[in-house]
């Protein structure tokens, strides 16, 4: 009986055309993500945890990466700050969200080493610094979403929330957090 179970186990495992080992070695894209980023003129820069915060920029659990809230801070440390709709136009808010997407790509690259491992962008939570009368939050966070689509194609499509906040840390124009699925 033991031998029969053993043989049955072997047969069942050999019938699976996509065993976990094969799934991990398959390419998810018909192009190289790192080359695509270069083609788009995107430069990834090392990210630093803001002083005084006891957090990680990314946390992995299984095949999910949780990217901490990040904002529009350039490699030189310049910030895009102010309230969108008051101090900044919607278009400037959009550019702030694009910069935040590039910052997240930088964090993700540092965390997983190879952006070709990204299975999909799962969820984006976008917060826009604005007053109560501002209603164009989705247009601002589109700046983030469009970068993810440009880089990852269909795998960059995600569920999303875009909300207004009365204030954000350091008066940043936006703050965005993201959940990403990767190959194990």
Protein backbone atom coordinates (compact mmCIF):
# COMPACT_ATOMS: atom_id res chain seq x y z
CA UNK A 1 0.00 0.00 0.00
CA UNK A 2 2.85 2.37 0.85
CA UNK A 3 4.47 1.70 -2.53
CA UNK A 4 1.21 2.40 -4.35
CA UNK A 5 0.83 5.77 -2.58
CA UNK A 6 4.45 6.64 -3.36
CA UNK A 7 3.98 5.82 -7.07
CA UNK A 8 0.71 7.78 -7.18
CA UNK A 9 2.46 10.79 -5.64
CA UNK A 10 5.22 10.62 -8.25
CA UNK A 11 2.72 10.37 -11.07
CA UNK A 12 0.64 13.29 -9.84
CA UNK A 13 3.65 15.55 -9.40
CA UNK A 14 4.98 14.74 -12.88
CA UNK A 15 1.58 15.56 -14.43
CA UNK A 16 1.76 19.18 -13.29
CA UNK A 17 3.22 21.02 -16.32
CA UNK A 18 4.00 24.10 -14.26
CA UNK A 19 5.67 22.93 -11.09
CA UNK A 20 6.86 25.79 -8.84
CA UNK A 21 10.46 25.47 -10.09
CA UNK A 22 9.38 26.08 -13.69
CA UNK A 23 7.07 28.95 -12.83
CA UNK A 24 9.91 30.84 -11.17
CA UNK A 25 12.26 30.46 -14.14
CA UNK A 26 9.72 31.63 -16.75
CA UNK A 27 9.99 35.19 -17.95
CA UNK A 28 6.94 37.31 -17.17
CA UNK A 29 7.64 39.91 -19.84
CA UNK A 30 8.52 39.89 -23.52
CA UNK A 31 10.91 42.78 -22.80
CA UNK A 32 13.43 43.61 -20.09
CA UNK A 33 11.95 45.92 -17.42
CA UNK A 34 15.32 47.45 -16.59
CA UNK A 35 15.91 48.34 -20.27
CA UNK A 36 12.36 49.73 -20.52
CA UNK A 37 13.06 52.03 -17.56
CA UNK A 38 16.18 53.31 -19.34
CA UNK A 39 14.23 53.82 -22.60
CA UNK A 40 11.68 55.88 -20.68
CA UNK A 41 14.47 58.09 -19.35
CA UNK A 42 13.76 57.08 -15.77
CA UNK A 43 16.71 57.18 -13.41
CA UNK A 44 16.44 55.11 -10.26
CA UNK A 45 18.15 56.52 -7.17
CA UNK A 46 18.86 54.96 -3.77
CA UNK A 47 16.16 55.90 -1.28
CA UNK A 48 16.75 56.80 2.34
CA UNK A 49 14.39 56.38 5.25
CA UNK A 50 13.49 59.88 6.45
CA UNK A 51 15.37 60.84 9.62
CA UNK A 52 13.67 59.97 12.87
CA UNK A 53 11.38 57.30 11.41
CA UNK A 54 11.72 53.72 12.61
CA UNK A 55 10.26 52.06 9.50
CA UNK A 56 11.30 50.00 6.51
CA UNK A 57 10.79 51.39 3.03
CA UNK A 58 9.59 47.94 1.94
CA UNK A 59 8.50 44.80 3.75
CA UNK A 60 8.19 41.39 2.15
CA UNK A 61 5.74 38.73 3.25
CA UNK A 62 5.70 35.68 1.02
CA UNK A 63 5.48 36.89 -2.55
CA UNK A 64 4.02 40.28 -1.63
CA UNK A 65 6.01 43.50 -1.19
CA UNK A 66 4.43 46.30 0.82
CA UNK A 67 5.94 49.66 -0.10
CA UNK A 68 5.74 52.29 2.65
CA UNK A 69 4.19 55.65 1.93
CA UNK A 70 6.61 57.63 -0.21
CA UNK A 71 6.48 61.14 -1.57
CA UNK A 72 7.87 63.45 -4.23
CA UNK A 73 11.43 63.94 -3.01
CA UNK A 74 14.14 64.15 -5.68
CA UNK A 75 17.57 62.50 -5.47
CA UNK A 76 19.01 65.88 -4.43
CA UNK A 77 16.53 66.09 -1.54
CA UNK A 78 14.25 68.72 -3.09
CA UNK A 79 10.60 68.21 -2.22
CA UNK A 80 7.47 69.04 -4.14
CA UNK A 81 5.39 70.43 -1.33
CA UNK A 82 2.23 72.42 -0.83
CA UNK A 83 -1.47 71.88 -1.21
CA UNK A 84 -2.63 70.82 -4.66
CA UNK A 85 -5.33 73.18 -5.89
CA UNK A 86 -4.03 76.02 -3.69
CA UNK A 87 -0.22 76.15 -3.86
CA UNK A 88 0.18 73.73 -6.77
CA UNK A 89 -1.83 73.03 -9.92
CA UNK A 90 -3.32 69.62 -10.62
CA UNK A 91 -0.60 69.18 -13.27
CA UNK A 92 2.12 69.87 -10.68
CA UNK A 93 0.45 67.34 -8.39
CA UNK A 94 0.48 64.85 -11.27
CA UNK A 95 4.25 65.39 -11.67
CA UNK A 96 4.69 64.92 -7.91
CA UNK A 97 2.90 61.56 -8.17
CA UNK A 98 5.15 60.56 -11.12
CA UNK A 99 8.24 61.33 -9.03
CA UNK A 100 6.77 59.26 -6.20
CA UNK A 101 6.32 56.32 -8.61
CA UNK A 102 9.98 56.56 -9.61
CA UNK A 103 10.96 56.61 -5.94
CA UNK A 104 8.89 53.47 -5.38
CA UNK A 105 10.55 51.75 -8.35
CA UNK A 106 13.90 52.59 -6.74
CA UNK A 107 12.82 51.08 -3.41
CA UNK A 108 11.42 48.01 -5.14
CA UNK A 109 14.63 47.49 -7.16
CA UNK A 110 16.68 47.70 -3.97
CA UNK A 111 14.35 45.26 -2.20
CA UNK A 112 14.07 42.54 -4.88
CA UNK A 113 17.16 43.19 -7.04
CA UNK A 114 15.49 42.57 -10.41
CA UNK A 115 12.32 44.38 -11.46
CA UNK A 116 11.61 41.61 -13.98
CA UNK A 117 10.38 39.61 -10.94
CA UNK A 118 7.30 41.87 -10.59
CA UNK A 119 4.22 39.78 -11.30
CA UNK A 120 1.88 42.75 -10.96
CA UNK A 121 1.20 46.01 -9.18
CA UNK A 122 -1.72 44.98 -6.96
CA UNK A 123 -2.94 48.03 -5.02
CA UNK A 124 -2.09 51.72 -4.87
CA UNK A 125 -3.28 54.04 -2.10
CA UNK A 126 -2.73 57.66 -3.09
CA UNK A 127 -3.08 60.59 -0.71
CA UNK A 128 -3.18 64.15 -2.03
CA UNK A 129 -2.38 67.15 0.18
CA UNK A 130 -5.28 69.55 -0.46
CA UNK A 131 -8.07 71.51 1.15
CA UNK A 132 -11.66 70.30 1.49
CA UNK A 133 -12.84 71.94 -1.74
CA UNK A 134 -10.37 70.10 -4.01
CA UNK A 135 -11.86 67.16 -5.95
CA UNK A 136 -9.32 66.19 -8.63
CA UNK A 137 -7.46 63.56 -6.56
CA UNK A 138 -7.68 60.86 -9.28
CA UNK A 139 -6.02 63.16 -11.84
CA UNK A 140 -3.10 63.69 -9.48
CA UNK A 141 -2.61 60.00 -8.66
CA UNK A 142 -2.84 59.17 -12.39
CA UNK A 143 0.76 60.41 -12.50
CA UNK A 144 1.74 57.40 -10.40
CA UNK A 145 -0.51 54.89 -12.17
CA UNK A 146 0.70 55.89 -15.63
CA UNK A 147 4.35 55.28 -14.69
CA UNK A 148 3.44 51.78 -13.52
CA UNK A 149 1.62 51.12 -16.81
CA UNK A 150 4.52 52.51 -18.89
CA UNK A 151 7.00 50.27 -17.08
CA UNK A 152 5.05 47.04 -16.47
CA UNK A 153 2.41 47.17 -19.23
CA UNK A 154 -0.75 45.22 -18.37
CA UNK A 155 0.92 43.97 -15.18
CA UNK A 156 1.05 47.59 -14.04
CA UNK A 157 -2.77 47.86 -13.90
CA UNK A 158 -3.90 47.95 -10.30
CA UNK A 159 -6.76 48.69 -7.96
CA UNK A 160 -6.44 52.14 -6.45
CA UNK A 161 -7.73 54.71 -4.01
CA UNK A 162 -7.08 58.43 -4.48
CA UNK A 163 -8.09 60.56 -1.51
CA UNK A 164 -7.55 64.05 -0.19
CA UNK A 165 -5.76 64.78 3.07
CA UNK A 166 -5.79 67.99 5.06
CA UNK A 167 -2.04 67.62 5.63
CA UNK A 168 0.81 65.26 4.84
CA UNK A 169 4.29 64.89 6.34
CA UNK A 170 6.62 67.78 5.48
CA UNK A 171 3.71 69.36 3.58
CA UNK A 172 4.44 67.00 0.65
CA UNK A 173 2.07 67.31 -2.31
CA UNK A 174 1.22 63.59 -2.15
CA UNK A 175 2.08 60.36 -0.39
CA UNK A 176 1.51 56.97 -1.97
CA UNK A 177 1.78 53.40 -0.70
CA UNK A 178 1.69 50.30 -2.88
CA UNK A 179 1.38 46.53 -2.75
CA UNK A 180 3.33 44.51 -5.35
CA UNK A 181 3.26 40.80 -6.14
CA UNK A 182 6.59 39.25 -7.13
CA UNK A 183 7.88 35.87 -8.26
CA UNK A 184 9.28 33.87 -5.38
